[in-house]
Amino acid sequence: MSKSRTITWIVLIAAVAGAGYYGWGRYQAGQEAAANAQKVVRNAVQVSTAQVEKSDFPVYLTGLGTVQGFNTVLVRSRVDGQIDKIAFKEGQVVKQGDLLVEIDPRPYQATLDQAKAKKSQDEANLANVNLDLQRFIKLGEFATKQQLDTQHSSVLQLTAQIEADTAAIANAQTQLDYTAIQSPIPGVVGLRQVDIGNIVNASSLTGIVTVAQVEPIAVIFTAPEEQLPYINEAQAVAPLKVIAITTDGKKPLAEGKLSVVNNQVDTTSGTIRLKAVFDNKDHALWPGQSVSTRLLVNTLKGATVVPDGAIQHSTSGLYAYTVDENSKAVLNKVKVTQSIDGRSVVDEGLSPGQRVITTGQYKVSPGTLVSSAVASSDPAQPKVKSE
């Protein structure tokens, strides 16, 4: 009985020892595999990737433009005289008809009063001549034909004189009205060029102040003449959208519509002048300002789009690295047709859904094992996760 129990204990101890040995072997193998995996990860090149997307891509013609007031008027005096009042502040927004300047009206008021008095005098003379005519008519055969004709002529002369007086009154009233100089358009007044007490003349070319209409406002820019057929074709369907941006390209200012295509190409530069109109309610655009322009001429539907950082240049052309299912870099020759705002349209070489390397390509060659951080296709967005 004791011998049997001894054998049982020996078998049990051997089984425990075998299980322990087996477990230890598995543990060692796991540790070795983990170490190898860590080694592989350490040997992988760190890069950033983004997914190749399929999306609509706007095609813009870019250029430089100059902002102009929709209407700009140099306000001048139409009569001579001394300035009694300046009714505006420099930089003020004014409406059409707002008073800007008053010129001493007294000489013109006196002229108007004289014209009115002259008309009253002539009207009184006409009334008297008409009475004399009626007397001659009542005399009948006792009045000679010459007397009647003379009296008729006097009536006609005075009637004509009263019409001239009426015209003189209208002219004098107009000259008096010109002493109150009003804004001919709505807009913003500039720096004034006269002061109270200055004498202004109708013949002066200097002017009093400039008024520029800024709501709406216009931007004049150019496009290459070879684009003219495409612009005209698209403009015939609907007014094309134009975006005005700061010259550094960082801040969009306003969106407007193309309103005018000039009627002649500039043969010296091979460009066509274009005019876009913007509502400009926030006054983001200002006359004389230089801006960058983008004219939307087309929208590519379902285009293959990648970040600009994925496109690399070599002596043999453009290429991009993709990452395959084994996390290895694959070189792809590509054909790019459009590029703007950090995004490029690829016509050949890539397919939607692939992952392209956007940074770190200088450390990569075909077949290189990579460890990637996935970046947004929008270059303005930060990296979102690591793999």
Protein backbone atom coordinates (compact mmCIF):
# COMPACT_ATOMS: atom_id res chain seq x y z
CA MET A 1 0.00 0.00 0.00
CA SER A 2 2.81 2.39 0.86
CA LYS A 3 4.60 1.46 -2.37
CA SER A 4 1.51 2.28 -4.41
CA ARG A 5 1.17 5.67 -2.74
CA THR A 6 4.82 6.40 -3.41
CA ILE A 7 4.36 5.71 -7.14
CA THR A 8 1.29 7.97 -7.23
CA TRP A 9 3.22 10.81 -5.65
CA ILE A 10 6.09 10.34 -8.11
CA VAL A 11 3.71 10.47 -11.09
CA LEU A 12 1.96 13.55 -9.68
CA ILE A 13 5.25 15.36 -9.10
CA ALA A 14 6.44 14.48 -12.61
CA ALA A 15 3.19 15.84 -14.10
CA VAL A 16 3.48 19.10 -12.18
CA ALA A 17 7.13 19.44 -13.21
CA GLY A 18 6.22 18.79 -16.87
CA ALA A 19 3.41 21.34 -16.81
CA GLY A 20 5.70 23.90 -15.20
CA TYR A 21 8.37 23.30 -17.81
CA TYR A 22 5.82 23.62 -20.61
CA GLY A 23 4.47 26.85 -19.15
CA TRP A 24 7.94 28.24 -18.74
CA GLY A 25 8.71 27.45 -22.38
CA ARG A 26 5.55 29.22 -23.54
CA TYR A 27 6.40 32.23 -21.41
CA GLN A 28 9.90 32.43 -22.83
CA ALA A 29 8.53 32.15 -26.37
CA GLY A 30 6.03 34.96 -25.69
CA GLN A 31 8.74 37.18 -24.27
CA GLU A 32 10.95 36.52 -27.28
CA ALA A 33 8.07 37.29 -29.68
CA ALA A 34 7.28 40.52 -27.84
CA ALA A 35 10.92 41.51 -27.95
CA ASN A 36 11.04 40.82 -31.67
CA ALA A 37 7.86 42.86 -32.19
CA GLN A 38 9.30 45.75 -30.23
CA LYS A 39 12.45 45.51 -32.31
CA VAL A 40 10.42 45.63 -35.52
CA VAL A 41 8.50 48.67 -34.28
CA ARG A 42 11.74 50.40 -33.33
CA ASN A 43 13.15 49.71 -36.77
CA ALA A 44 10.01 51.08 -38.57
CA VAL A 45 10.28 54.61 -40.02
CA GLN A 46 7.94 57.12 -38.40
CA VAL A 47 5.76 58.91 -40.98
CA SER A 48 2.40 60.67 -41.22
CA THR A 49 -0.30 59.43 -43.56
CA ALA A 50 -3.66 60.56 -44.90
CA GLN A 51 -6.38 58.78 -46.80
CA VAL A 52 -6.93 59.33 -50.50
CA GLU A 53 -10.42 60.82 -50.78
CA LYS A 54 -13.07 61.09 -53.45
CA SER A 55 -14.77 64.48 -53.34
CA ASP A 56 -15.91 67.46 -55.38
CA PHE A 57 -13.01 69.81 -56.13
CA PRO A 58 -13.48 73.51 -57.05
CA VAL A 59 -11.33 74.78 -59.91
CA TYR A 60 -10.28 78.41 -59.42
CA LEU A 61 -8.41 80.91 -61.56
CA THR A 62 -6.20 82.86 -59.19
CA GLY A 63 -4.96 86.38 -59.71
CA LEU A 64 -4.38 89.81 -58.23
CA GLY A 65 -6.92 92.61 -58.20
CA THR A 66 -7.52 96.15 -57.05
CA VAL A 67 -10.60 97.29 -55.16
CA GLN A 68 -12.50 100.23 -56.63
CA GLY A 69 -15.49 102.17 -55.41
CA PHE A 70 -18.60 101.12 -57.29
CA ASN A 71 -18.98 104.82 -58.05
CA THR A 72 -16.44 107.51 -57.18
CA VAL A 73 -17.18 111.23 -57.42
CA LEU A 74 -14.90 114.22 -56.90
CA VAL A 75 -17.33 116.80 -55.51
CA ARG A 76 -16.77 120.29 -56.95
CA SER A 77 -18.56 123.60 -56.56
CA ARG A 78 -20.75 124.75 -59.46
CA VAL A 79 -20.76 128.36 -58.27
CA ASP A 80 -18.17 130.80 -56.94
CA GLY A 81 -18.22 131.89 -53.34
CA GLN A 82 -16.98 131.60 -49.79
CA ILE A 83 -17.55 128.42 -47.76
CA ASP A 84 -19.78 129.14 -44.77
CA LYS A 85 -20.28 125.60 -43.46
CA ILE A 86 -18.77 122.13 -43.76
CA ALA A 87 -21.45 119.61 -42.80
CA PHE A 88 -19.49 116.34 -42.92
CA LYS A 89 -16.68 114.62 -41.06
CA GLU A 90 -13.85 112.97 -42.92
CA GLY A 91 -14.49 109.25 -43.30
CA GLN A 92 -18.21 109.68 -42.65
CA VAL A 93 -20.76 107.45 -44.37
CA VAL A 94 -23.25 109.65 -46.21
CA LYS A 95 -26.46 109.06 -48.13
CA GLN A 96 -27.33 110.48 -51.51
CA GLY A 97 -28.58 114.05 -51.02
CA ASP A 98 -26.88 114.64 -47.65
CA LEU A 99 -25.52 118.16 -47.22
CA LEU A 100 -21.74 118.39 -47.51
CA VAL A 101 -20.89 122.10 -47.85
CA GLU A 102 -22.72 125.43 -47.80
CA ILE A 103 -21.47 128.41 -49.81
CA ASP A 104 -22.48 131.97 -48.92
CA PRO A 105 -25.92 132.19 -50.60
CA ARG A 106 -26.53 135.94 -50.26
CA PRO A 107 -25.33 137.08 -53.72
CA TYR A 108 -27.41 134.38 -55.39
CA GLN A 109 -30.45 135.13 -53.22
CA ALA A 110 -30.19 138.78 -54.30
CA THR A 111 -30.03 137.77 -57.96
CA LEU A 112 -33.11 135.62 -57.49
CA ASP A 113 -34.98 138.47 -55.82
CA GLN A 114 -34.06 140.81 -58.68
CA ALA A 115 -35.34 138.31 -61.24
CA LYS A 116 -38.63 137.95 -59.38
CA ALA A 117 -39.00 141.73 -59.11
CA LYS A 118 -38.30 142.13 -62.83
CA LYS A 119 -41.01 139.61 -63.63
CA SER A 120 -43.51 141.41 -61.40
CA GLN A 121 -42.69 144.68 -63.15
CA ASP A 122 -43.15 143.16 -66.59
CA GLU A 123 -46.39 141.54 -65.55
CA ALA A 124 -47.71 144.91 -64.44
CA ASN A 125 -46.65 146.47 -67.76
CA LEU A 126 -48.35 143.66 -69.64
CA ALA A 127 -51.57 144.21 -67.74
CA ASN A 128 -51.51 147.90 -68.64
CA VAL A 129 -50.78 147.21 -72.31
CA ASN A 130 -53.63 144.70 -72.40
CA LEU A 131 -56.00 147.39 -71.07
CA ASP A 132 -54.86 149.82 -73.74
CA LEU A 133 -55.43 147.14 -76.38
CA GLN A 134 -58.97 146.61 -75.14
CA ARG A 135 -59.62 150.36 -75.37
CA PHE A 136 -58.41 150.49 -78.95
CA ILE A 137 -60.60 147.56 -79.84
CA LYS A 138 -63.68 149.32 -78.33
CA LEU A 139 -62.93 152.45 -80.34
CA GLY A 140 -63.59 150.41 -83.45
CA GLU A 141 -63.30 152.54 -86.61
CA PHE A 142 -62.01 155.49 -84.61
CA ALA A 143 -58.75 153.58 -83.99
CA THR A 144 -56.35 153.11 -86.87
CA LYS A 145 -55.05 149.71 -87.91
CA GLN A 146 -51.53 150.85 -87.13
CA GLN A 147 -52.48 151.63 -83.54
CA LEU A 148 -54.06 148.18 -83.08
CA ASP A 149 -51.05 146.44 -84.61
CA THR A 150 -48.66 148.38 -82.42
CA GLN A 151 -50.66 147.54 -79.31
CA HIS A 152 -50.79 143.84 -80.25
CA SER A 153 -47.03 143.89 -80.74
CA SER A 154 -46.50 145.46 -77.31
CA VAL A 155 -48.58 142.72 -75.71
CA LEU A 156 -46.55 140.03 -77.45
CA GLN A 157 -43.24 141.67 -76.49
CA LEU A 158 -44.15 141.88 -72.83
CA THR A 159 -45.49 138.33 -72.87
CA ALA A 160 -42.14 137.16 -74.24
CA GLN A 161 -40.33 139.27 -71.66
CA ILE A 162 -42.26 137.57 -68.85
CA GLU A 163 -41.25 134.18 -70.23
CA ALA A 164 -37.63 135.37 -70.19
CA ASP A 165 -38.13 136.58 -66.62
CA THR A 166 -39.45 133.14 -65.68
CA ALA A 167 -36.36 131.53 -67.16
CA ALA A 168 -34.12 134.01 -65.32
CA ILE A 169 -35.86 133.17 -62.05
CA ALA A 170 -35.33 129.45 -62.68
CA ASN A 171 -31.66 130.06 -63.43
CA ALA A 172 -31.20 132.21 -60.33
CA GLN A 173 -32.96 129.58 -58.21
CA THR A 174 -30.65 126.91 -59.64
CA GLN A 175 -27.56 128.98 -58.81
CA LEU A 176 -28.89 129.50 -55.30
CA ASP A 177 -29.51 125.76 -54.91
CA TYR A 178 -25.91 125.10 -55.98
CA THR A 179 -24.71 126.93 -52.87
CA ALA A 180 -25.85 123.90 -50.84
CA ILE A 181 -23.55 121.15 -52.12
CA GLN A 182 -25.03 117.69 -51.56
CA SER A 183 -23.60 114.20 -51.94
CA PRO A 184 -24.47 112.91 -55.43
CA ILE A 185 -24.12 109.25 -54.36
CA PRO A 186 -24.21 107.20 -51.16
CA GLY A 187 -20.77 106.32 -49.89
CA VAL A 188 -17.83 107.32 -47.71
CA VAL A 189 -16.30 110.78 -47.85
CA GLY A 190 -12.54 111.10 -47.95
CA LEU A 191 -10.17 113.80 -46.74
CA ARG A 192 -11.54 117.28 -47.34
CA GLN A 193 -9.51 119.68 -49.46
CA VAL A 194 -11.08 122.93 -48.27
CA ASP A 195 -11.79 124.68 -44.97
CA ILE A 196 -14.43 127.09 -43.75
CA GLY A 197 -13.73 130.55 -45.16
CA ASN A 198 -12.02 129.30 -48.32
CA ILE A 199 -13.13 130.74 -51.64
CA VAL A 200 -14.14 128.10 -54.17
CA ASN A 201 -14.66 128.53 -57.91
CA ALA A 202 -16.71 126.63 -60.42
CA SER A 203 -13.66 126.46 -62.69
CA SER A 204 -11.43 124.85 -60.05
CA LEU A 205 -10.28 121.28 -60.75
CA THR A 206 -9.17 120.62 -57.18
CA GLY A 207 -12.58 119.80 -55.81
CA ILE A 208 -13.89 119.78 -52.26
CA VAL A 209 -13.94 116.09 -51.27
CA THR A 210 -14.17 112.65 -52.84
CA VAL A 211 -17.13 110.36 -52.20
CA ALA A 212 -16.65 106.65 -52.90
CA GLN A 213 -19.52 104.17 -52.96
CA VAL A 214 -18.47 101.06 -51.00
CA GLU A 215 -21.81 99.22 -50.80
CA PRO A 216 -21.61 97.54 -53.23
CA ILE A 217 -17.96 97.68 -54.24
CA ALA A 218 -16.00 96.40 -57.22
CA VAL A 219 -12.73 94.52 -57.74
CA ILE A 220 -10.87 94.75 -61.05
CA PHE A 221 -8.62 91.79 -61.84
CA THR A 222 -7.24 89.91 -64.84
CA ALA A 223 -7.29 86.39 -66.26
CA PRO A 224 -5.21 84.76 -69.03
CA GLU A 225 -6.77 85.19 -72.45
CA GLU A 226 -6.79 81.42 -73.09
CA GLN A 227 -9.30 81.09 -70.25
CA LEU A 228 -11.70 83.57 -71.84
CA PRO A 229 -13.82 80.97 -73.73
CA TYR A 230 -14.31 78.93 -70.54
CA ILE A 231 -15.18 82.04 -68.52
CA ASN A 232 -17.74 83.22 -71.08
CA GLU A 233 -19.26 79.75 -71.36
CA ALA A 234 -19.68 79.39 -67.60
CA GLN A 235 -20.83 83.01 -67.15
CA ALA A 236 -23.59 82.45 -69.72
CA VAL A 237 -25.10 79.79 -67.41
CA ALA A 238 -24.88 81.76 -64.15
CA PRO A 239 -22.73 84.55 -62.67
CA LEU A 240 -19.43 83.07 -61.53
CA LYS A 241 -18.39 83.27 -57.89
CA VAL A 242 -15.35 85.38 -57.04
CA ILE A 243 -13.54 85.26 -53.70
CA ALA A 244 -11.40 88.18 -52.53
CA ILE A 245 -8.54 87.25 -50.18
CA THR A 246 -5.76 89.19 -48.51
CA THR A 247 -2.60 89.32 -50.59
CA ASP A 248 -0.84 86.95 -48.19
CA GLY A 249 -3.56 84.38 -48.96
CA LYS A 250 -4.44 83.86 -45.30
CA LYS A 251 -7.77 85.64 -44.78
CA PRO A 252 -10.84 85.48 -47.07
CA LEU A 253 -12.44 88.91 -47.20
CA ALA A 254 -15.63 88.63 -49.24
CA GLU A 255 -17.53 86.62 -51.85
CA GLY A 256 -19.07 88.25 -54.88
CA LYS A 257 -20.10 87.69 -58.47
CA LEU A 258 -18.38 88.31 -61.77
CA SER A 259 -20.31 91.15 -63.42
CA VAL A 260 -18.27 92.34 -66.42
CA VAL A 261 -15.85 90.78 -68.89
CA ASN A 262 -14.01 93.56 -70.69
CA ASN A 263 -14.67 93.95 -74.41
CA GLN A 264 -10.99 93.75 -75.38
CA VAL A 265 -7.95 91.61 -74.57
CA ASP A 266 -4.79 93.44 -73.56
CA THR A 267 -2.42 92.42 -76.35
CA THR A 268 0.69 93.48 -74.42
CA SER A 269 0.03 91.14 -71.48
CA GLY A 270 -2.30 88.57 -73.05
CA THR A 271 -4.88 89.05 -70.31
CA ILE A 272 -8.52 90.06 -70.10
CA ARG A 273 -9.78 92.54 -67.48
CA LEU A 274 -12.66 91.37 -65.32
CA LYS A 275 -14.90 93.15 -62.82
CA ALA A 276 -16.51 91.50 -59.81
CA VAL A 277 -19.10 93.10 -57.53
CA PHE A 278 -19.32 92.49 -53.76
CA ASP A 279 -22.10 93.54 -51.35
CA ASN A 280 -19.40 94.57 -48.83
CA LYS A 281 -21.85 95.14 -45.96
CA ASP A 282 -19.04 94.74 -43.43
CA HIS A 283 -16.68 97.07 -45.36
CA ALA A 284 -13.99 94.37 -45.52
CA LEU A 285 -13.01 95.73 -48.93
CA TRP A 286 -11.81 99.32 -49.33
CA PRO A 287 -11.10 101.39 -52.46
CA GLY A 288 -7.49 101.12 -53.57
CA GLN A 289 -6.86 97.91 -51.61
CA SER A 290 -4.88 95.12 -53.29
CA VAL A 291 -6.36 91.64 -52.99
CA SER A 292 -5.85 88.15 -54.30
CA THR A 293 -8.78 86.83 -56.31
CA ARG A 294 -10.19 83.40 -57.03
CA LEU A 295 -12.64 82.96 -59.88
CA LEU A 296 -14.60 79.69 -59.68
CA VAL A 297 -14.79 78.40 -63.27
CA ASN A 298 -15.61 74.73 -62.68
CA THR A 299 -16.21 72.02 -60.06
CA LEU A 300 -14.75 68.55 -60.63
CA LYS A 301 -17.25 65.94 -59.43
CA GLY A 302 -15.91 62.89 -57.58
CA ALA A 303 -12.24 63.79 -58.02
CA THR A 304 -9.41 61.84 -56.38
CA VAL A 305 -7.92 64.25 -53.83
CA VAL A 306 -4.82 64.08 -51.63
CA PRO A 307 -2.95 66.59 -49.44
CA ASP A 308 -0.24 68.50 -51.26
CA GLY A 309 2.33 67.06 -48.86
CA ALA A 310 1.85 63.61 -50.39
CA ILE A 311 3.04 64.75 -53.82
CA GLN A 312 6.79 64.52 -54.33
CA HIS A 313 8.95 65.68 -57.25
CA SER A 314 11.80 63.86 -58.94
CA THR A 315 13.68 64.05 -62.22
CA SER A 316 11.37 61.39 -63.63
CA GLY A 317 8.17 63.18 -62.62
CA LEU A 318 5.71 63.29 -59.73
CA TYR A 319 5.23 60.43 -57.29
CA ALA A 320 3.63 59.57 -53.95
CA TYR A 321 4.26 56.86 -51.36
CA THR A 322 1.37 54.71 -50.19
CA VAL A 323 1.32 52.26 -47.28
CA ASP A 324 0.21 48.68 -48.05
CA GLU A 325 -1.52 46.18 -45.77
CA ASN A 326 1.90 45.09 -44.42
CA SER A 327 2.77 48.65 -43.38
CA LYS A 328 5.38 48.91 -46.12
CA ALA A 329 5.96 51.90 -48.37
CA VAL A 330 4.99 51.60 -52.05
CA LEU A 331 6.08 54.15 -54.65
CA ASN A 332 3.36 55.32 -57.06
CA LYS A 333 3.91 57.59 -60.06
CA VAL A 334 1.08 60.11 -60.23
CA LYS A 335 -0.41 62.74 -62.51
CA VAL A 336 -1.68 65.93 -60.85
CA THR A 337 -4.06 68.27 -62.71
CA GLN A 338 -5.20 70.80 -60.08
CA SER A 339 -3.87 72.06 -56.77
CA ILE A 340 -5.14 74.70 -54.33
CA ASP A 341 -5.54 75.25 -50.58
CA GLY A 342 -3.17 72.38 -49.73
CA ARG A 343 -5.10 69.80 -51.78
CA SER A 344 -4.28 68.24 -55.15
CA VAL A 345 -6.34 66.35 -57.72
CA VAL A 346 -4.66 63.13 -58.88
CA ASP A 347 -5.86 61.80 -62.24
CA GLU A 348 -3.56 58.78 -62.38
CA GLY A 349 -1.62 56.64 -59.89
CA LEU A 350 -3.83 56.64 -56.78
CA SER A 351 -7.26 55.37 -55.80
CA PRO A 352 -9.70 56.51 -53.10
CA GLY A 353 -9.19 54.61 -49.85
CA GLN A 354 -5.42 54.21 -50.13
CA ARG A 355 -3.16 55.71 -47.49
CA VAL A 356 -0.50 58.14 -48.68
CA ILE A 357 2.54 59.31 -46.76
CA THR A 358 2.39 63.06 -46.19
CA THR A 359 5.54 63.64 -44.11
CA GLY A 360 8.76 61.72 -43.62
CA GLN A 361 9.18 60.61 -47.26
CA TYR A 362 12.87 61.53 -47.26
CA LYS A 363 13.49 58.58 -44.89
CA VAL A 364 11.47 56.14 -46.99
CA SER A 365 12.24 53.96 -49.99
CA PRO A 366 10.09 51.29 -51.68
CA GLY A 367 9.53 48.39 -49.24
CA THR A 368 10.48 50.38 -46.12
CA LEU A 369 8.53 49.35 -43.04
CA VAL A 370 6.72 52.39 -41.67
CA SER A 371 4.91 53.31 -38.49
CA SER A 372 2.39 56.00 -39.30
CA ALA A 373 0.37 58.71 -37.62
CA VAL A 374 -2.86 59.27 -39.52
CA ALA A 375 -3.40 62.90 -40.50
CA SER A 376 -6.49 64.66 -41.77
CA SER A 377 -6.69 65.33 -45.49
CA ASP A 378 -7.33 68.93 -44.55
CA PRO A 379 -3.85 70.45 -44.09
CA ALA A 380 -5.23 72.81 -41.47
CA GLN A 381 -6.30 69.92 -39.22
CA PRO A 382 -3.92 68.28 -36.70
CA LYS A 383 -3.01 64.59 -36.55
CA VAL A 384 -5.76 62.59 -34.95
CA LYS A 385 -4.33 59.23 -33.96
CA SER A 386 -1.28 56.98 -34.16
CA GLU A 387 -1.04 53.44 -35.46
